[in-house]
C-alpha cells in the first residue's frame, strides 16, 4: 500500500519551502499545516529541520511534542541528529522514526548503532541526490550544499546492510519545481535495495505520484504542491506568514490553482488508477 507523506521543512518555529532546497521562504506555523494534513488523510508526516546541520543541533523537540499530542499518525524527524542521545531525545518528544543523513555519511557505523538501540524500523536514512553531468547520481549533505563524492546506489546498499529500515531519496534537481519526479533515480535505487524507498522531490500532480509508484517507490513525500494549495484555499486566514513573503506567496498561489493538489484528491486519483492507498475514513 502506497503511503503519502507530507514533508514539513522547518527553520526555527516556521514552516519554510524553497526550490532545490534553497531560497527558503516562510509559509507559516507548521502546526496548522500538520493538523490539516492529518485530518485530510496523510499516512505519515516528515519534519525536517533544514538548518540543523549548519548549527549542529535539532530544534524540533517542542514542535514534535505539541504535534504528537494532537496527531496520531507516524512522525519522522530529521536534521542535526548526530548522536544516540539526539535520537533518544527526539523519540521521547514524540517522534516514531528519525531521519539521518550527514551523521550517517560521516560515520556509517552510526547507522548500525542506532538500529541496534532503537530497531531498524525507527531508522530512516536520507539521501540528498544530485545528478552529475556524466549521468551519475551522487549524494550530498546539508540540504544539497556539501559534496560527498558518495555514489547514491552504493550508499543505499551499504545503508541497508548497516541496518536502516527505510530510505528517503530526495532529488535536489527536482525539489520544489513541481515538474515531476526523477523517475530514473527512483527506479535505480528502489530496484536494487529491499528496504522501502520514500521518493521526494518534484511532485506537481497526482500523476507524478502514479509515475513514482510505477517506478517502484514504496511511498511518496510531498511538500510544495500541498502547502501552496492549503494556503490558496485559506487565503483569508493568518497562519503566521511574515509580511515580507506576501509577494512571493501571492505569485506562487496563482500557480497552484491546478486540480488534484489536495490529499483527498490524490487518494481519489490513486484509487481510480487501482493503486492501493489508505483512504480517508
Protein backbone atom coordinates (compact mmCIF):
# COMPACT_ATOMS: atom_id res chain seq x y z
CA UNK A 1 0.00 0.00 0.00
CA UNK A 2 1.46 3.32 -1.08
CA UNK A 3 1.96 5.91 1.63
CA UNK A 4 1.56 9.64 1.03
CA UNK A 5 3.78 11.64 3.37
CA UNK A 6 3.65 15.45 3.56
CA UNK A 7 7.06 16.91 4.30
CA UNK A 8 7.34 19.97 6.52
CA UNK A 9 10.69 21.77 6.31
CA UNK A 10 11.25 23.75 9.49
CA UNK A 11 13.51 26.72 10.19
CA UNK A 12 13.18 27.93 13.76
CA UNK A 13 9.45 27.96 14.56
CA UNK A 14 8.34 28.29 10.94
CA UNK A 15 7.35 26.07 8.03
CA UNK A 16 9.51 27.04 5.05
CA UNK A 17 9.86 25.98 1.42
CA UNK A 18 12.24 26.72 -1.40
CA UNK A 19 13.42 25.25 -4.69
CA UNK A 20 16.33 22.80 -4.84
CA UNK A 21 16.35 23.15 -1.01
CA UNK A 22 17.50 26.77 -1.43
CA UNK A 23 15.80 30.18 -1.26
CA UNK A 24 13.70 29.20 1.74
CA UNK A 25 10.59 31.30 2.38
CA UNK A 26 8.38 31.29 5.45
CA UNK A 27 4.92 29.81 4.84
CA UNK A 28 3.58 29.90 8.38
CA UNK A 29 3.11 27.99 11.62
CA UNK A 30 3.74 24.27 10.91
CA UNK A 31 1.07 23.17 13.39
CA UNK A 32 -1.74 24.48 11.14
CA UNK A 33 -0.40 22.55 8.17
CA UNK A 34 0.29 19.36 10.13
CA UNK A 35 -3.24 19.21 11.54
CA UNK A 36 -4.77 19.90 8.14
CA UNK A 37 -2.78 17.09 6.53
CA UNK A 38 -3.62 14.70 9.35
CA UNK A 39 -7.34 15.44 9.05
CA UNK A 40 -7.21 15.03 5.26
CA UNK A 41 -5.65 11.59 5.08
CA UNK A 42 -1.86 11.87 5.37
CA UNK A 43 -0.34 8.48 6.17
CA UNK A 44 2.67 9.93 7.96
CA UNK A 45 4.36 13.30 8.43
CA UNK A 46 8.02 14.14 7.90
CA UNK A 47 9.50 17.06 9.83
CA UNK A 48 12.92 18.24 8.67
CA UNK A 49 14.99 20.89 10.45
CA UNK A 50 16.59 22.38 7.34
CA UNK A 51 19.25 24.42 9.13
CA UNK A 52 20.12 21.93 11.86
CA UNK A 53 23.29 20.67 10.18
CA UNK A 54 24.62 24.23 9.89
CA UNK A 55 24.27 24.76 13.63
CA UNK A 56 24.85 21.12 14.65
CA UNK A 57 21.60 20.82 16.53
CA UNK A 58 17.97 19.85 16.11
CA UNK A 59 15.40 22.35 17.42
CA UNK A 60 12.21 20.46 16.65
CA UNK A 61 11.51 18.88 20.04
CA UNK A 62 8.94 21.47 21.11
CA UNK A 63 7.14 21.28 17.76
CA UNK A 64 7.14 17.47 17.84
CA UNK A 65 5.90 17.31 21.44
CA UNK A 66 2.97 19.58 20.56
CA UNK A 67 2.22 17.70 17.33
CA UNK A 68 2.35 14.23 18.90
CA UNK A 69 -0.34 15.21 21.39
CA UNK A 70 -2.78 16.12 18.61
CA UNK A 71 -1.86 13.95 15.63
CA UNK A 72 -1.94 10.17 15.64
CA UNK A 73 -0.03 9.05 12.58
CA UNK A 74 3.70 8.20 12.43
CA UNK A 75 6.03 11.19 12.71
CA UNK A 76 9.53 11.13 11.26
CA UNK A 77 12.00 13.79 12.38
CA UNK A 78 15.28 14.70 10.72
CA UNK A 79 18.00 17.31 10.84
CA UNK A 80 21.06 17.58 13.07
CA UNK A 81 20.75 14.15 14.71
CA UNK A 82 24.36 13.18 15.36
CA UNK A 83 24.35 11.04 18.48
CA UNK A 84 22.37 8.25 20.10
CA UNK A 85 21.23 10.76 22.72
CA UNK A 86 19.96 13.09 19.97
CA UNK A 87 17.80 10.27 18.63
CA UNK A 88 16.64 9.31 22.10
CA UNK A 89 15.54 12.88 22.84
CA UNK A 90 13.56 13.19 19.60
CA UNK A 91 11.82 9.86 20.20
CA UNK A 92 10.97 10.91 23.75
CA UNK A 93 9.48 14.11 22.35
CA UNK A 94 7.03 12.01 20.35
CA UNK A 95 8.69 11.02 17.07
CA UNK A 96 8.16 7.48 15.80
CA UNK A 97 11.12 7.46 13.41
CA UNK A 98 14.24 9.52 12.77
CA UNK A 99 15.87 10.52 9.51
CA UNK A 100 19.66 10.83 9.41
CA UNK A 101 21.98 11.94 6.63
CA UNK A 102 25.14 13.91 7.47
CA UNK A 103 25.98 11.90 10.58
CA UNK A 104 25.47 8.65 8.69
CA UNK A 105 27.76 9.59 5.80
CA UNK A 106 30.41 10.94 8.17
CA UNK A 107 30.22 7.83 10.34
CA UNK A 108 28.41 4.88 8.72
CA UNK A 109 28.72 2.84 11.92
CA UNK A 110 26.27 5.31 13.46
CA UNK A 111 23.52 3.62 11.44
CA UNK A 112 24.38 0.24 12.94
CA UNK A 113 24.48 1.62 16.48
CA UNK A 114 21.19 3.47 16.04
CA UNK A 115 19.48 0.41 14.57
CA UNK A 116 20.68 -1.79 17.43
CA UNK A 117 19.50 0.72 20.02
CA UNK A 118 16.11 1.62 18.57
CA UNK A 119 15.27 -1.03 15.96
CA UNK A 120 15.65 -0.89 12.19
CA UNK A 121 12.08 0.33 11.66
CA UNK A 122 12.94 3.51 13.59
CA UNK A 123 15.97 4.43 11.49
CA UNK A 124 15.47 6.15 8.14
CA UNK A 125 18.47 7.30 6.13
CA UNK A 126 18.01 10.30 3.85
CA UNK A 127 19.80 10.52 0.51
CA UNK A 128 20.03 14.01 -0.98
CA UNK A 129 20.98 13.32 -4.57
CA UNK A 130 22.17 15.49 -7.46
CA UNK A 131 22.66 14.08 -10.94
CA UNK A 132 26.07 14.86 -12.40
CA UNK A 133 26.92 15.87 -15.97
CA UNK A 134 28.00 12.30 -16.74
CA UNK A 135 24.61 10.97 -15.62
CA UNK A 136 25.80 9.55 -12.32
CA UNK A 137 23.98 10.20 -9.06
CA UNK A 138 25.97 11.48 -6.08
CA UNK A 139 24.88 12.10 -2.50
CA UNK A 140 25.16 15.48 -0.81
CA UNK A 141 24.59 16.65 2.75
CA UNK A 142 23.42 19.85 4.44
CA UNK A 143 20.41 20.21 2.11
CA UNK A 144 22.47 19.70 -1.02
CA UNK A 145 25.20 22.16 -0.07
CA UNK A 146 28.03 19.76 0.79
CA UNK A 147 29.60 17.48 -1.81
CA UNK A 148 30.47 13.98 -0.58
CA UNK A 149 31.52 12.10 -3.70
CA UNK A 150 29.45 9.14 -2.50
CA UNK A 151 27.60 7.29 -5.26
CA UNK A 152 23.90 7.05 -4.44
CA UNK A 153 23.18 3.37 -5.09
CA UNK A 154 26.37 2.12 -3.45
CA UNK A 155 25.49 4.19 -0.39
CA UNK A 156 21.87 2.99 -0.37
CA UNK A 157 23.01 -0.63 -0.43
CA UNK A 158 25.55 -0.02 2.33
CA UNK A 159 22.91 1.73 4.42
CA UNK A 160 20.65 -1.31 4.10
CA UNK A 161 23.45 -3.64 5.18
CA UNK A 162 24.14 -1.46 8.20
CA UNK A 163 20.57 -1.86 9.45
CA UNK A 164 18.50 1.08 8.25
CA UNK A 165 14.83 0.24 7.85
CA UNK A 166 13.90 2.76 5.18
CA UNK A 167 15.31 5.33 2.74
CA UNK A 168 14.16 8.82 1.82
CA UNK A 169 15.54 9.62 -1.62
CA UNK A 170 15.36 13.31 -2.50
CA UNK A 171 16.20 14.60 -5.96
CA UNK A 172 17.70 18.01 -5.28
CA UNK A 173 17.37 18.73 -9.01
CA UNK A 174 13.59 18.27 -8.83
CA UNK A 175 12.86 19.60 -5.33
CA UNK A 176 10.28 22.38 -5.28
CA UNK A 177 9.91 22.51 -9.07
CA UNK A 178 6.52 20.75 -9.24
CA UNK A 179 7.58 19.46 -12.68
CA UNK A 180 7.66 15.74 -11.99
CA UNK A 181 9.98 13.39 -10.14
CA UNK A 182 13.30 11.89 -11.19
CA UNK A 183 11.90 8.53 -12.19
CA UNK A 184 15.26 7.11 -13.25
CA UNK A 185 16.69 7.86 -9.80
CA UNK A 186 13.70 6.33 -8.04
CA UNK A 187 13.88 3.15 -10.07
CA UNK A 188 17.67 2.99 -9.82
CA UNK A 189 17.55 2.91 -6.03
CA UNK A 190 14.27 1.06 -5.44
CA UNK A 191 15.10 -1.80 -7.79
CA UNK A 192 18.39 -2.52 -6.08
CA UNK A 193 17.50 -2.48 -2.37
CA UNK A 194 14.94 -4.46 -0.40
CA UNK A 195 14.00 -1.85 2.22
CA UNK A 196 11.21 0.65 1.47
CA UNK A 197 12.06 3.77 -0.52
CA UNK A 198 10.27 7.08 0.04
CA UNK A 199 10.63 9.23 -3.08
CA UNK A 200 10.75 13.00 -2.69
CA UNK A 201 11.15 15.99 -4.96
CA UNK A 202 9.14 17.31 -7.89
CA UNK A 203 5.51 16.28 -7.36
CA UNK A 204 3.17 18.66 -9.15
CA UNK A 205 0.15 16.47 -9.91
CA UNK A 206 -1.26 13.13 -8.75
CA UNK A 207 0.01 11.54 -11.96
CA UNK A 208 3.55 12.26 -10.78
CA UNK A 209 2.87 10.03 -7.78
CA UNK A 210 1.47 7.35 -10.07
CA UNK A 211 4.68 7.52 -12.12
CA UNK A 212 6.82 7.18 -9.00
CA UNK A 213 4.88 4.11 -7.86
CA UNK A 214 5.26 2.56 -11.30
CA UNK A 215 9.00 3.09 -10.88
CA UNK A 216 8.96 1.13 -7.62
CA UNK A 217 8.60 3.85 -4.99
CA UNK A 218 7.01 2.48 -1.81
CA UNK A 219 5.92 5.92 -0.62
CA UNK A 220 5.98 9.49 -1.88
CA UNK A 221 6.78 12.57 0.16
CA UNK A 222 5.19 15.85 -0.95
CA UNK A 223 5.66 19.48 0.05
CA UNK A 224 5.10 22.46 -2.29
CA UNK A 225 2.02 21.20 -4.10
CA UNK A 226 0.23 20.63 -0.78
CA UNK A 227 1.48 23.70 1.08
CA UNK A 228 0.52 26.23 -1.56
CA UNK A 229 -2.83 24.61 -2.19
CA UNK A 230 -3.58 24.80 1.54
CA UNK A 231 -2.68 28.49 1.57
CA UNK A 232 -4.68 29.12 -1.62
CA UNK A 233 -7.75 27.52 -0.04
CA UNK A 234 -7.37 29.54 3.15
CA UNK A 235 -6.27 32.93 1.85
CA UNK A 236 -8.29 34.86 4.41
CA UNK A 237 -6.71 33.11 7.39
CA UNK A 238 -3.47 34.03 9.14
CA UNK A 239 -1.09 31.11 9.51
CA UNK A 240 1.79 33.14 10.84
CA UNK A 241 3.20 34.12 7.45
CA UNK A 242 5.52 37.11 7.65
CA UNK A 243 4.75 40.32 5.78
CA UNK A 244 7.93 40.13 3.69
CA UNK A 245 6.70 36.99 1.97
CA UNK A 246 3.41 38.34 0.63
CA UNK A 247 4.57 38.97 -2.95
CA UNK A 248 6.36 35.62 -3.09
CA UNK A 249 3.33 33.74 -1.76
CA UNK A 250 0.84 35.53 -3.99
CA UNK A 251 2.88 34.67 -7.09
CA UNK A 252 3.04 31.02 -6.08
CA UNK A 253 -0.62 30.84 -5.12
CA UNK A 254 -1.61 31.99 -8.61
CA UNK A 255 0.23 28.96 -9.96
CA UNK A 256 -1.38 26.48 -7.58
CA UNK A 257 -4.96 26.52 -8.88
CA UNK A 258 -4.46 23.26 -10.77
CA UNK A 259 -6.68 20.33 -9.81
CA UNK A 260 -5.51 17.46 -7.67
CA UNK A 261 -3.32 19.28 -5.21
CA UNK A 262 -5.02 18.09 -2.03
CA UNK A 263 -4.57 14.82 -0.17
CA UNK A 264 -8.16 13.63 -0.77
CA UNK A 265 -7.78 14.37 -4.50
CA UNK A 266 -4.51 12.47 -4.60
CA UNK A 267 -6.00 9.46 -2.82
CA UNK A 268 -9.04 9.52 -5.10
CA UNK A 269 -6.83 9.59 -8.18
CA UNK A 270 -4.69 6.69 -6.96
CA UNK A 271 -7.77 4.61 -6.16
CA UNK A 272 -9.12 5.26 -9.65
CA UNK A 273 -5.80 4.01 -11.03
CA UNK A 274 -6.06 0.86 -8.88
CA UNK A 275 -3.04 1.88 -6.81
CA UNK A 276 -3.66 0.73 -3.23
CA UNK A 277 -3.55 3.50 -0.64
CA UNK A 278 -5.24 4.23 2.66
CA UNK A 279 -8.47 6.11 2.13
CA UNK A 280 -9.69 8.81 4.48
CA UNK A 281 -12.12 7.11 6.86
